Amino acid sequence: MNKDFNTHKWFKNQYLNEEYQPLDTDGYVEAMNPELFDHIDEIVRIFKEWKDGPMTEPGMEGYAKDNLVDYIQMKIRNA
């Protein structure tokens, strides 16, 4: 895993397209498991790798982000 990859910076530059403000998690995310941040960074790395890949067209990115977020939400809600 690339330890230099910064999820917050990626969201700022690639997803939010607005002034960055750290996400307020009320401490729940931090209390779950310190490895959670590494796993989220890995998901972001995989998405970025797909986005920069040869088969990805520019118009696909937004749909893919929405699909990925919906999938993760579904998995967590069904846990």
Protein backbone atom coordinates (compact mmCIF):
# COMPACT_ATOMS: atom_id res chain seq x y z
CA MET A 1 0.00 0.00 0.00
CA ASN A 2 1.23 3.48 -0.83
CA LYS A 3 1.64 5.20 2.54
CA ASP A 4 2.13 8.55 0.77
CA PHE A 5 -1.44 8.53 -0.57
CA ASN A 6 -3.60 11.04 1.28
CA THR A 7 -7.34 10.34 1.22
CA HIS A 8 -8.31 13.80 2.44
CA LYS A 9 -6.23 15.46 -0.28
CA TRP A 10 -7.69 13.12 -2.92
CA PHE A 11 -11.24 14.00 -1.90
CA LYS A 12 -10.34 17.67 -2.00
CA ASN A 13 -8.80 17.50 -5.46
CA GLN A 14 -10.89 14.82 -7.15
CA TYR A 15 -14.29 14.59 -5.55
CA LEU A 16 -15.45 17.62 -3.61
CA ASN A 17 -14.15 20.34 -5.94
CA GLU A 18 -14.70 22.87 -3.20
CA GLU A 19 -12.92 24.23 -0.16
CA TYR A 20 -11.73 21.24 1.87
CA GLN A 21 -12.91 20.76 5.43
CA PRO A 22 -12.05 17.63 7.41
CA LEU A 23 -14.98 15.27 7.88
CA ASP A 24 -16.54 15.35 11.33
CA THR A 25 -17.09 11.74 12.39
CA ASP A 26 -17.97 12.43 16.04
CA GLY A 27 -15.22 9.98 16.93
CA TYR A 28 -17.09 6.87 15.73
CA VAL A 29 -14.83 6.15 12.78
CA GLU A 30 -11.67 6.72 14.78
CA ALA A 31 -12.92 4.38 17.52
CA MET A 32 -13.75 1.48 15.17
CA ASN A 33 -10.26 0.39 14.21
CA PRO A 34 -7.11 2.31 13.29
CA GLU A 35 -6.76 0.08 10.23
CA LEU A 36 -10.02 1.42 8.81
CA PHE A 37 -8.19 4.46 7.42
CA ASP A 38 -5.75 2.18 5.60
CA HIS A 39 -8.63 0.22 4.10
CA ILE A 40 -10.38 3.39 2.95
CA ASP A 41 -7.11 4.61 1.43
CA GLU A 42 -6.87 1.28 -0.41
CA ILE A 43 -10.38 1.68 -1.84
CA VAL A 44 -9.48 5.17 -3.01
CA ARG A 45 -6.23 3.88 -4.54
CA ILE A 46 -8.10 1.15 -6.42
CA PHE A 47 -10.67 3.67 -7.68
CA LYS A 48 -7.94 6.04 -8.83
CA GLU A 49 -6.14 3.19 -10.58
CA TRP A 50 -9.38 2.30 -12.38
CA LYS A 51 -10.05 5.95 -13.22
CA ASP A 52 -6.59 6.39 -14.74
CA GLY A 53 -6.79 3.06 -16.58
CA PRO A 54 -6.98 2.63 -20.34
CA MET A 55 -10.61 1.44 -20.44
CA THR A 56 -12.08 4.33 -18.42
CA GLU A 57 -13.76 7.14 -20.32
CA PRO A 58 -14.08 10.62 -18.75
CA GLY A 59 -17.88 10.42 -18.51
CA MET A 60 -17.73 7.23 -16.43
CA GLU A 61 -16.10 8.75 -13.36
CA GLY A 62 -19.16 10.32 -11.71
CA TYR A 63 -21.32 7.26 -12.25
CA ALA A 64 -18.60 4.99 -10.91
CA LYS A 65 -18.16 7.13 -7.77
CA ASP A 66 -21.88 7.06 -7.08
CA ASN A 67 -22.01 3.31 -7.68
CA LEU A 68 -19.06 2.67 -5.38
CA VAL A 69 -20.50 4.80 -2.57
CA ASP A 70 -23.92 3.12 -2.95
CA TYR A 71 -22.29 -0.31 -2.81
CA ILE A 72 -20.32 0.52 0.35
CA GLN A 73 -23.42 2.01 2.00
CA MET A 74 -25.42 -1.13 1.17
CA LYS A 75 -22.75 -3.40 2.64
CA ILE A 76 -22.53 -1.36 5.85
CA ARG A 77 -26.32 -1.08 6.26
CA ASN A 78 -26.65 -4.84 5.81
CA ALA A 79 -23.90 -5.62 8.32
